[in-house]
Amino acid sequence: MGAAALAPGSLSVLAAAFPEPRERAQAIGLWAGVSGLGLAIGPLAGGWLIQIASWPAIFFVNLPVGLLALALSVPRLSESRNPTAQRIDLPGQVLVTGALVCLVMALIEGSSQGWTSGLILGLFIGSAVLLAAFLLVEARVREPMVPLRLFSNRVFSVANLASLVLGFAMVGTLFFAVQFLQNVQGYTALEAGLRVLPASVGIFAVAPFVGQLTARIGPRLPIVLGALLAATSLFLTATTLQPDTSYATLGWQVGLFGIGCGFMLTPLTAAVLSATPQERSGLGSSILNTCRTVGITLGVAVLGAFVLQQFPGNIASQLTQRGLPGPISATIADKIAAAGAGASQAPQPGHLPLPPAVLHQAISQAFVDTLHGTFLISAIGLFAAALLVAFLLWQKQHATGTSVESVGLREATEALAMQDVVQEEVTG
């Protein structure tokens, strides 16, 4: 609940604090870079806390950050609100929250409960019904939480959808990359976090160039290029990753993925805000943040469900290839899969008909084979986003002049050329 109150409103606060378009775009560029940095350094901060204490210490990370933000924001941040808003759309909030809760629960519990079980089918049906009811309410209520007419703007809809895909791919990729580094290659949590830092370095390294490029040609080409670069890195990882893959190979692929994400973050934000009426910029920024957060949630849930579904079968296949009968392989695989990929690092109870080294090799290979599918799914999603943006993310030009949307976009993107200053502040 705290994060929900904090994250979606951050862009609307920036819009109020920086009314001048050039300054606002500069602030948006810094906001986008810090957002990407937060996703990338999370494993590093968590690994460090685990290294010096234990895993519950990760929950303390918000205390110093939150207290510092509170101390700085109370005297400095000015309030921003929609002067025409009078009512809270409580039915809309309840319905969309219920729809997302049902969907995420179904994805997480599907592997353990069975995808055709009454509970999982009921959750999927409930999610669809609640979502339909939400759309019906939003179309009829006087002050909807999400005015559906905003999505009639092609730029607004496509950019938000691409942001959802980006959140899905970023968190899913970094999450499972850390799992691979720890549970297969045996790095500590801190060492694994350090090895995914090229993602954040890639995001910041391209920020000044992306700002200048977006200012000159608009957001479409940078977004498409970024999505293709990120998808390419994931395709390469999906086809080359093995238990003994060297970091020299994996590191530059992670860096290329970060560069691709860096090409997407700021142009997507500029595109959404340019397609939102000035007086509703807070709403537009909140929808953008919400879409990205939904993508993050679905990334872990969907890819996690995929791993849970595929991992036991891959273990059984690896054990069968090593000479064990099929039924025995399946029994052992089910028990090992319940412990996750970390089972390869822990001693197994009882007497198993394979030497520990061979068992470790089988589990590691099975987990890597499963990760191939997760990276491939994310790559396909990014490639689809690139196609969608390439064909649909453009503004119509009126016969008498440039549309209001494209003017707003030009004002926003021209200011992104100032990112050299922002970059120096960040890296300094």
Protein backbone atom coordinates (compact mmCIF):
# COMPACT_ATOMS: atom_id res chain seq x y z
CA MET A 1 0.00 0.00 0.00
CA GLY A 2 2.87 2.34 0.77
CA ALA A 3 4.52 1.68 -2.56
CA ALA A 4 1.20 2.18 -4.35
CA ALA A 5 0.86 5.60 -2.73
CA LEU A 6 4.49 6.48 -3.43
CA ALA A 7 5.35 5.36 -6.96
CA PRO A 8 2.40 6.32 -9.21
CA GLY A 9 2.26 9.86 -7.89
CA SER A 10 5.93 10.64 -8.35
CA LEU A 11 5.60 11.86 -11.93
CA SER A 12 2.61 14.03 -11.09
CA VAL A 13 4.68 15.68 -8.35
CA LEU A 14 7.40 16.36 -10.94
CA ALA A 15 4.83 17.81 -13.34
CA ALA A 16 3.70 20.24 -10.64
CA ALA A 17 7.21 21.11 -9.48
CA PHE A 18 8.53 21.75 -13.02
CA PRO A 19 5.83 23.55 -15.04
CA GLU A 20 8.34 24.72 -17.67
CA PRO A 21 8.51 22.02 -20.40
CA ARG A 22 12.28 21.88 -20.73
CA GLU A 23 12.89 21.60 -16.99
CA ARG A 24 10.10 19.07 -16.68
CA ALA A 25 11.57 16.84 -19.37
CA GLN A 26 14.96 17.07 -17.69
CA ALA A 27 13.36 15.93 -14.43
CA ILE A 28 11.54 13.14 -16.24
CA GLY A 29 14.83 11.94 -17.69
CA LEU A 30 16.37 11.76 -14.23
CA TRP A 31 13.24 10.05 -12.88
CA ALA A 32 13.39 7.41 -15.60
CA GLY A 33 17.07 6.77 -15.01
CA VAL A 34 16.61 6.41 -11.25
CA SER A 35 13.65 4.07 -11.81
CA GLY A 36 15.79 1.81 -13.97
CA LEU A 37 18.66 2.08 -11.50
CA GLY A 38 16.42 1.00 -8.63
CA LEU A 39 15.39 -2.16 -10.46
CA ALA A 40 18.98 -2.97 -11.33
CA ILE A 41 20.68 -2.34 -7.97
CA GLY A 42 18.00 -4.11 -5.91
CA PRO A 43 19.83 -7.45 -6.11
CA LEU A 44 23.09 -5.70 -5.14
CA ALA A 45 21.62 -3.99 -2.07
CA GLY A 46 19.79 -7.14 -1.05
CA GLY A 47 22.91 -9.25 -1.52
CA TRP A 48 24.96 -6.89 0.61
CA LEU A 49 22.41 -6.97 3.43
CA ILE A 50 22.25 -10.75 3.31
CA GLN A 51 26.04 -10.91 3.35
CA ILE A 52 26.45 -8.73 6.46
CA ALA A 53 23.38 -10.03 8.32
CA SER A 54 20.71 -12.47 7.14
CA TRP A 55 17.86 -12.47 4.65
CA PRO A 56 15.28 -10.70 6.90
CA ALA A 57 17.61 -7.67 6.82
CA ILE A 58 16.35 -6.83 3.32
CA PHE A 59 13.16 -5.49 4.90
CA PHE A 60 15.13 -2.75 6.65
CA VAL A 61 16.32 -1.21 3.38
CA ASN A 62 13.25 1.03 3.17
CA LEU A 63 13.80 2.57 6.60
CA PRO A 64 16.73 4.94 5.86
CA VAL A 65 15.45 5.65 2.35
CA GLY A 66 11.92 6.30 3.56
CA LEU A 67 12.96 8.47 6.49
CA LEU A 68 15.28 10.55 4.29
CA ALA A 69 12.57 10.99 1.65
CA LEU A 70 10.07 11.99 4.34
CA ALA A 71 12.43 14.54 5.89
CA LEU A 72 13.19 16.11 2.50
CA SER A 73 9.70 16.00 1.03
CA VAL A 74 7.59 17.44 3.83
CA PRO A 75 9.12 20.94 3.69
CA ARG A 76 9.95 20.94 -0.02
CA LEU A 77 7.22 19.23 -2.05
CA SER A 78 4.19 21.24 -3.10
CA GLU A 79 0.83 19.52 -3.40
CA SER A 80 -0.69 18.86 -6.82
CA ARG A 81 -4.32 18.01 -7.36
CA ASN A 82 -6.97 18.06 -10.04
CA PRO A 83 -9.08 21.18 -9.28
CA THR A 84 -12.18 19.63 -10.85
CA ALA A 85 -12.02 16.30 -8.97
CA GLN A 86 -14.75 15.91 -6.37
CA ARG A 87 -15.33 12.21 -5.79
CA ILE A 88 -13.21 9.11 -5.25
CA ASP A 89 -14.09 6.27 -7.60
CA LEU A 90 -14.27 3.63 -4.88
CA PRO A 91 -16.14 1.01 -6.97
CA GLY A 92 -13.54 1.29 -9.72
CA GLN A 93 -10.68 0.89 -7.25
CA VAL A 94 -12.23 -2.17 -5.64
CA LEU A 95 -13.00 -3.85 -8.96
CA VAL A 96 -9.60 -3.36 -10.61
CA THR A 97 -7.77 -4.38 -7.41
CA GLY A 98 -9.89 -7.53 -7.17
CA ALA A 99 -9.23 -8.36 -10.82
CA LEU A 100 -5.46 -8.07 -10.40
CA VAL A 101 -5.43 -10.01 -7.12
CA CYS A 102 -7.37 -12.88 -8.69
CA LEU A 103 -5.11 -12.93 -11.75
CA VAL A 104 -1.84 -12.91 -9.81
CA MET A 105 -3.08 -15.53 -7.32
CA ALA A 106 -4.12 -17.81 -10.17
CA LEU A 107 -0.72 -17.49 -11.85
CA ILE A 108 1.21 -18.11 -8.64
CA GLU A 109 -0.88 -21.01 -7.34
CA GLY A 110 -1.62 -22.67 -10.69
CA SER A 111 1.37 -25.02 -10.58
CA SER A 112 0.70 -26.28 -7.06
CA GLN A 113 -3.10 -26.43 -7.24
CA GLY A 114 -3.40 -27.61 -10.86
CA TRP A 115 -4.30 -25.35 -13.76
CA THR A 116 -7.66 -27.05 -14.24
CA SER A 117 -8.59 -27.11 -10.55
CA GLY A 118 -11.75 -25.37 -9.42
CA LEU A 119 -9.81 -22.77 -7.43
CA ILE A 120 -7.56 -21.70 -10.31
CA LEU A 121 -10.35 -21.68 -12.90
CA GLY A 122 -12.50 -19.72 -10.47
CA LEU A 123 -9.75 -17.15 -9.96
CA PHE A 124 -9.25 -16.69 -13.72
CA ILE A 125 -13.01 -16.35 -14.27
CA GLY A 126 -13.30 -13.99 -11.32
CA SER A 127 -10.50 -11.83 -12.71
CA ALA A 128 -12.21 -11.60 -16.11
CA VAL A 129 -15.61 -10.78 -14.56
CA LEU A 130 -14.17 -8.11 -12.26
CA LEU A 131 -12.22 -6.54 -15.12
CA ALA A 132 -15.35 -6.41 -17.28
CA ALA A 133 -17.28 -4.86 -14.41
CA PHE A 134 -14.49 -2.31 -13.92
CA LEU A 135 -14.66 -1.25 -17.57
CA LEU A 136 -18.44 -0.97 -17.34
CA VAL A 137 -18.24 1.18 -14.21
CA GLU A 138 -15.53 3.42 -15.66
CA ALA A 139 -17.66 4.03 -18.76
CA ARG A 140 -20.66 5.12 -16.67
CA VAL A 141 -19.38 6.84 -13.53
CA ARG A 142 -19.21 10.63 -13.53
CA GLU A 143 -15.59 10.85 -12.28
CA PRO A 144 -13.88 7.58 -13.24
CA MET A 145 -10.57 6.55 -11.73
CA VAL A 146 -9.35 5.77 -15.26
CA PRO A 147 -11.14 7.76 -17.98
CA LEU A 148 -11.39 5.25 -20.81
CA ARG A 149 -11.35 8.01 -23.41
CA LEU A 150 -7.63 8.44 -22.75
CA PHE A 151 -7.04 5.04 -24.31
CA SER A 152 -8.68 6.18 -27.53
CA ASN A 153 -5.42 8.06 -28.07
CA ARG A 154 -3.20 5.57 -29.88
CA VAL A 155 0.04 7.02 -28.53
CA PHE A 156 -1.21 6.83 -24.94
CA SER A 157 -2.38 3.22 -25.28
CA VAL A 158 0.66 1.89 -27.13
CA ALA A 159 3.18 3.61 -24.85
CA ASN A 160 1.49 2.26 -21.71
CA LEU A 161 1.35 -1.24 -23.17
CA ALA A 162 5.03 -1.05 -24.07
CA SER A 163 5.79 0.10 -20.51
CA LEU A 164 3.97 -2.95 -19.16
CA VAL A 165 6.07 -5.23 -21.38
CA LEU A 166 9.25 -3.43 -20.31
CA GLY A 167 8.43 -3.93 -16.61
CA PHE A 168 7.65 -7.59 -17.30
CA ALA A 169 10.97 -8.18 -19.06
CA MET A 170 13.19 -6.14 -16.75
CA VAL A 171 12.21 -7.68 -13.45
CA GLY A 172 11.76 -11.19 -14.81
CA THR A 173 15.18 -11.11 -16.46
CA LEU A 174 17.09 -9.70 -13.49
CA PHE A 175 15.28 -11.97 -11.02
CA PHE A 176 16.16 -15.17 -12.86
CA ALA A 177 19.66 -14.00 -13.75
CA VAL A 178 20.38 -13.66 -10.04
CA GLN A 179 18.83 -17.10 -9.42
CA PHE A 180 21.18 -18.58 -12.03
CA LEU A 181 24.27 -16.89 -10.62
CA GLN A 182 23.52 -18.01 -7.06
CA ASN A 183 21.95 -21.44 -7.40
CA VAL A 184 23.79 -22.76 -10.44
CA GLN A 185 27.16 -21.04 -10.43
CA GLY A 186 27.41 -20.78 -6.65
CA TYR A 187 27.98 -17.05 -6.18
CA THR A 188 26.92 -15.37 -2.96
CA ALA A 189 24.00 -12.95 -2.97
CA LEU A 190 26.37 -9.98 -3.00
CA GLU A 191 28.52 -11.43 -5.79
CA ALA A 192 25.42 -12.15 -7.87
CA GLY A 193 24.18 -8.60 -7.34
CA LEU A 194 27.48 -7.18 -8.53
CA ARG A 195 27.31 -9.29 -11.67
CA VAL A 196 23.98 -7.82 -12.78
CA LEU A 197 25.22 -4.23 -12.38
CA PRO A 198 25.99 -3.95 -16.14
CA ALA A 199 22.23 -3.59 -16.59
CA SER A 200 22.17 -0.32 -14.63
CA VAL A 201 25.45 0.83 -16.19
CA GLY A 202 23.90 0.28 -19.62
CA ILE A 203 20.83 2.35 -18.70
CA PHE A 204 22.89 5.34 -17.57
CA ALA A 205 25.48 5.09 -20.32
CA VAL A 206 22.96 5.72 -23.10
CA ALA A 207 20.89 8.40 -21.33
CA PRO A 208 22.52 11.51 -22.90
CA PHE A 209 22.47 10.05 -26.41
CA VAL A 210 18.87 8.88 -26.09
CA GLY A 211 17.79 12.34 -24.94
CA GLN A 212 19.38 14.00 -27.96
CA LEU A 213 18.06 11.38 -30.37
CA THR A 214 14.52 11.63 -29.00
CA ALA A 215 14.62 15.42 -29.21
CA ARG A 216 15.46 15.26 -32.91
CA ILE A 217 13.32 12.41 -34.23
CA GLY A 218 10.71 11.69 -31.55
CA PRO A 219 10.27 8.67 -29.29
CA ARG A 220 9.32 5.98 -31.78
CA LEU A 221 12.76 5.03 -33.14
CA PRO A 222 14.52 5.05 -29.73
CA ILE A 223 11.80 2.83 -28.23
CA VAL A 224 11.91 0.40 -31.16
CA LEU A 225 15.71 0.29 -31.12
CA GLY A 226 15.75 -0.27 -27.36
CA ALA A 227 13.19 -3.05 -27.51
CA LEU A 228 15.12 -4.78 -30.30
CA LEU A 229 18.43 -4.50 -28.43
CA ALA A 230 16.91 -5.88 -25.22
CA ALA A 231 15.14 -8.67 -27.13
CA THR A 232 18.36 -9.56 -28.94
CA SER A 233 20.26 -9.83 -25.66
CA LEU A 234 17.61 -12.16 -24.27
CA PHE A 235 17.57 -14.31 -27.41
CA LEU A 236 21.35 -14.65 -27.12
CA THR A 237 21.07 -15.57 -23.44
CA ALA A 238 18.33 -18.10 -24.17
CA THR A 239 20.48 -19.83 -26.79
CA THR A 240 23.92 -19.67 -25.14
CA LEU A 241 23.35 -19.94 -21.38
CA GLN A 242 24.73 -23.12 -19.82
CA PRO A 243 25.71 -24.03 -16.25
CA ASP A 244 29.37 -23.33 -17.01
CA THR A 245 28.85 -20.17 -19.08
CA SER A 246 31.59 -17.68 -18.25
CA TYR A 247 30.76 -14.24 -16.93
CA ALA A 248 32.68 -12.77 -19.86
CA THR A 249 29.82 -14.03 -22.03
CA LEU A 250 26.92 -13.34 -19.68
CA GLY A 251 28.15 -9.92 -18.53
CA TRP A 252 28.02 -8.20 -21.91
CA GLN A 253 24.61 -9.73 -22.62
CA VAL A 254 23.30 -8.25 -19.35
CA GLY A 255 24.89 -4.92 -20.32
CA LEU A 256 23.25 -5.00 -23.76
CA PHE A 257 19.91 -5.66 -22.07
CA GLY A 258 20.45 -2.58 -19.88
CA ILE A 259 21.27 -0.46 -22.92
CA GLY A 260 18.05 -1.58 -24.57
CA CYS A 261 16.03 -0.71 -21.47
CA GLY A 262 17.76 2.67 -21.27
CA PHE A 263 16.65 3.43 -24.82
CA MET A 264 13.03 2.77 -23.82
CA LEU A 265 12.49 4.36 -20.41
CA THR A 266 12.60 8.12 -21.08
CA PRO A 267 10.94 8.12 -24.55
CA LEU A 268 8.04 6.04 -23.22
CA THR A 269 7.48 8.51 -20.38
CA ALA A 270 7.68 11.50 -22.72
CA ALA A 271 5.24 9.84 -25.13
CA VAL A 272 2.63 9.18 -22.42
CA LEU A 273 2.78 12.68 -20.97
CA SER A 274 2.65 14.27 -24.43
CA ALA A 275 -0.55 12.36 -25.17
CA THR A 276 -2.18 13.38 -21.87
CA PRO A 277 -4.02 16.71 -21.47
CA GLN A 278 -1.96 19.14 -19.38
CA GLU A 279 -4.52 19.30 -16.60
CA ARG A 280 -4.53 15.49 -16.34
CA SER A 281 -0.76 14.94 -16.35
CA GLY A 282 -0.95 13.47 -12.86
CA LEU A 283 -3.46 10.91 -14.05
CA GLY A 284 -1.38 10.06 -17.12
CA SER A 285 1.77 9.56 -15.06
CA SER A 286 -0.11 7.42 -12.56
CA ILE A 287 -1.46 5.17 -15.31
CA LEU A 288 2.05 4.83 -16.77
CA ASN A 289 3.49 3.85 -13.40
CA THR A 290 0.63 1.47 -12.74
CA CYS A 291 1.09 -0.25 -16.09
CA ARG A 292 4.79 -0.71 -15.44
CA THR A 293 4.07 -2.03 -11.93
CA VAL A 294 1.50 -4.48 -13.28
CA GLY A 295 4.14 -5.63 -15.77
CA ILE A 296 6.62 -6.14 -12.93
CA THR A 297 4.08 -8.17 -10.98
CA LEU A 298 3.12 -10.28 -13.96
CA GLY A 299 6.79 -10.78 -14.88
CA VAL A 300 7.56 -12.57 -11.63
CA ALA A 301 4.18 -14.34 -11.49
CA VAL A 302 4.01 -15.55 -15.10
CA LEU A 303 7.66 -16.49 -15.46
CA GLY A 304 7.67 -17.99 -11.97
CA ALA A 305 4.67 -20.13 -12.89
CA PHE A 306 6.47 -21.19 -16.07
CA VAL A 307 9.54 -22.25 -14.08
CA LEU A 308 7.47 -24.20 -11.56
CA GLN A 309 5.66 -25.95 -14.40
CA GLN A 310 8.73 -26.87 -16.45
CA PHE A 311 11.39 -27.52 -13.82
CA PRO A 312 10.22 -30.99 -12.61
CA GLY A 313 9.90 -32.32 -16.15
CA ASN A 314 13.35 -31.05 -17.06
CA ILE A 315 14.86 -32.69 -13.97
CA ALA A 316 13.20 -36.00 -14.83
CA SER A 317 14.50 -35.74 -18.39
CA GLN A 318 18.04 -35.10 -17.20
CA LEU A 319 17.91 -38.02 -14.76
CA THR A 320 16.54 -40.34 -17.43
CA GLN A 321 19.39 -39.34 -19.75
CA ARG A 322 21.77 -40.40 -17.00
CA GLY A 323 20.35 -43.91 -16.84
CA LEU A 324 17.56 -43.81 -14.25
CA PRO A 325 14.18 -45.41 -15.09
CA GLY A 326 11.39 -42.98 -15.91
CA PRO A 327 9.19 -43.57 -12.81
CA ILE A 328 12.13 -43.20 -10.44
CA SER A 329 13.29 -40.07 -12.24
CA ALA A 330 9.83 -38.53 -11.96
CA THR A 331 9.60 -39.27 -8.22
CA ILE A 332 13.01 -37.81 -7.51
CA ALA A 333 12.30 -34.81 -9.76
CA ASP A 334 9.11 -33.91 -7.90
CA LYS A 335 10.91 -33.95 -4.54
CA ILE A 336 13.85 -31.92 -5.79
CA ALA A 337 11.71 -29.39 -7.68
CA ALA A 338 9.86 -28.58 -4.47
CA ALA A 339 13.14 -27.17 -3.14
CA GLY A 340 13.80 -25.13 -6.29
CA ALA A 341 17.11 -24.66 -8.06
CA GLY A 342 18.80 -24.27 -4.68
CA ALA A 343 18.43 -28.02 -4.21
CA SER A 344 21.56 -28.42 -6.31
CA GLN A 345 23.54 -26.70 -3.56
CA ALA A 346 22.10 -28.68 -0.63
CA PRO A 347 22.66 -32.29 0.47
CA GLN A 348 19.81 -34.63 -0.42
CA PRO A 349 18.27 -36.85 2.27
CA GLY A 350 18.34 -40.60 1.90
CA HIS A 351 20.23 -42.69 -0.59
CA LEU A 352 19.92 -41.65 -4.21
CA PRO A 353 20.96 -43.91 -7.09
CA LEU A 354 23.32 -41.24 -8.46
CA PRO A 355 26.58 -39.73 -7.17
CA PRO A 356 26.11 -36.23 -5.68
CA ALA A 357 28.18 -34.61 -8.42
CA VAL A 358 26.06 -36.17 -11.15
CA LEU A 359 22.86 -35.16 -9.36
CA HIS A 360 24.11 -31.60 -9.01
CA GLN A 361 24.91 -31.49 -12.71
CA ALA A 362 21.46 -32.81 -13.62
CA ILE A 363 19.63 -30.26 -11.46
CA SER A 364 21.74 -27.36 -12.72
CA GLN A 365 21.21 -28.31 -16.35
CA ALA A 366 17.47 -28.75 -15.78
CA PHE A 367 17.21 -25.30 -14.20
CA VAL A 368 19.18 -23.67 -17.02
CA ASP A 369 16.99 -25.41 -19.61
CA THR A 370 13.98 -23.94 -17.82
CA LEU A 371 15.52 -20.44 -17.81
CA HIS A 372 15.94 -20.65 -21.58
CA GLY A 373 12.16 -20.53 -21.81
CA THR A 374 11.80 -17.54 -19.46
CA PHE A 375 14.31 -15.46 -21.42
CA LEU A 376 12.68 -16.47 -24.68
CA ILE A 377 9.22 -15.42 -23.44
CA SER A 378 10.55 -11.99 -22.41
CA ALA A 379 12.39 -11.60 -25.72
CA ILE A 380 9.24 -12.37 -27.71
CA GLY A 381 7.31 -9.83 -25.64
CA LEU A 382 9.89 -7.12 -26.31
CA PHE A 383 9.99 -7.95 -30.02
CA ALA A 384 6.19 -7.69 -30.17
CA ALA A 385 6.38 -4.33 -28.36
CA ALA A 386 8.91 -3.12 -30.94
CA LEU A 387 6.55 -4.01 -33.77
CA LEU A 388 3.60 -2.39 -32.01
CA VAL A 389 5.48 0.85 -31.42
CA ALA A 390 6.95 0.89 -34.94
CA PHE A 391 3.55 0.72 -36.59
CA LEU A 392 1.28 2.53 -34.13
CA LEU A 393 3.26 5.07 -32.09
CA TRP A 394 2.95 8.14 -34.24
CA GLN A 395 0.84 11.30 -34.11
CA LYS A 396 -1.45 12.44 -36.86
CA GLN A 397 -0.63 15.72 -38.53
CA HIS A 398 -3.56 18.03 -39.18
CA ALA A 399 -3.74 19.69 -42.55
CA THR A 400 -3.47 23.14 -40.96
CA GLY A 401 -0.54 22.36 -38.75
CA THR A 402 0.94 20.12 -36.16
CA SER A 403 -1.32 18.45 -33.65
CA VAL A 404 -1.33 19.51 -30.01
CA GLU A 405 0.01 16.10 -29.05
CA SER A 406 3.01 16.28 -31.32
CA VAL A 407 3.75 19.83 -30.16
CA GLY A 408 3.73 18.65 -26.55
CA LEU A 409 5.91 15.71 -27.49
CA ARG A 410 8.40 17.96 -29.27
CA GLU A 411 8.61 20.26 -26.25
CA ALA A 412 9.22 17.29 -23.98
CA THR A 413 11.71 15.49 -26.16
CA GLU A 414 13.73 18.57 -27.09
CA ALA A 415 14.43 19.06 -23.41
CA LEU A 416 15.80 15.53 -23.14
CA ALA A 417 18.88 16.81 -24.98
CA MET A 418 19.77 18.41 -21.64
CA GLN A 419 20.42 14.92 -20.25
CA ASP A 420 24.19 15.49 -20.37
CA VAL A 421 23.79 17.73 -17.33
CA VAL A 422 21.56 15.19 -15.63
CA GLN A 423 23.97 12.38 -16.43
CA GLU A 424 26.87 14.29 -14.92
CA GLU A 425 24.84 14.85 -11.76
CA VAL A 426 23.91 11.16 -11.52
CA THR A 427 27.35 9.73 -12.21
CA GLY A 428 29.01 12.41 -10.07
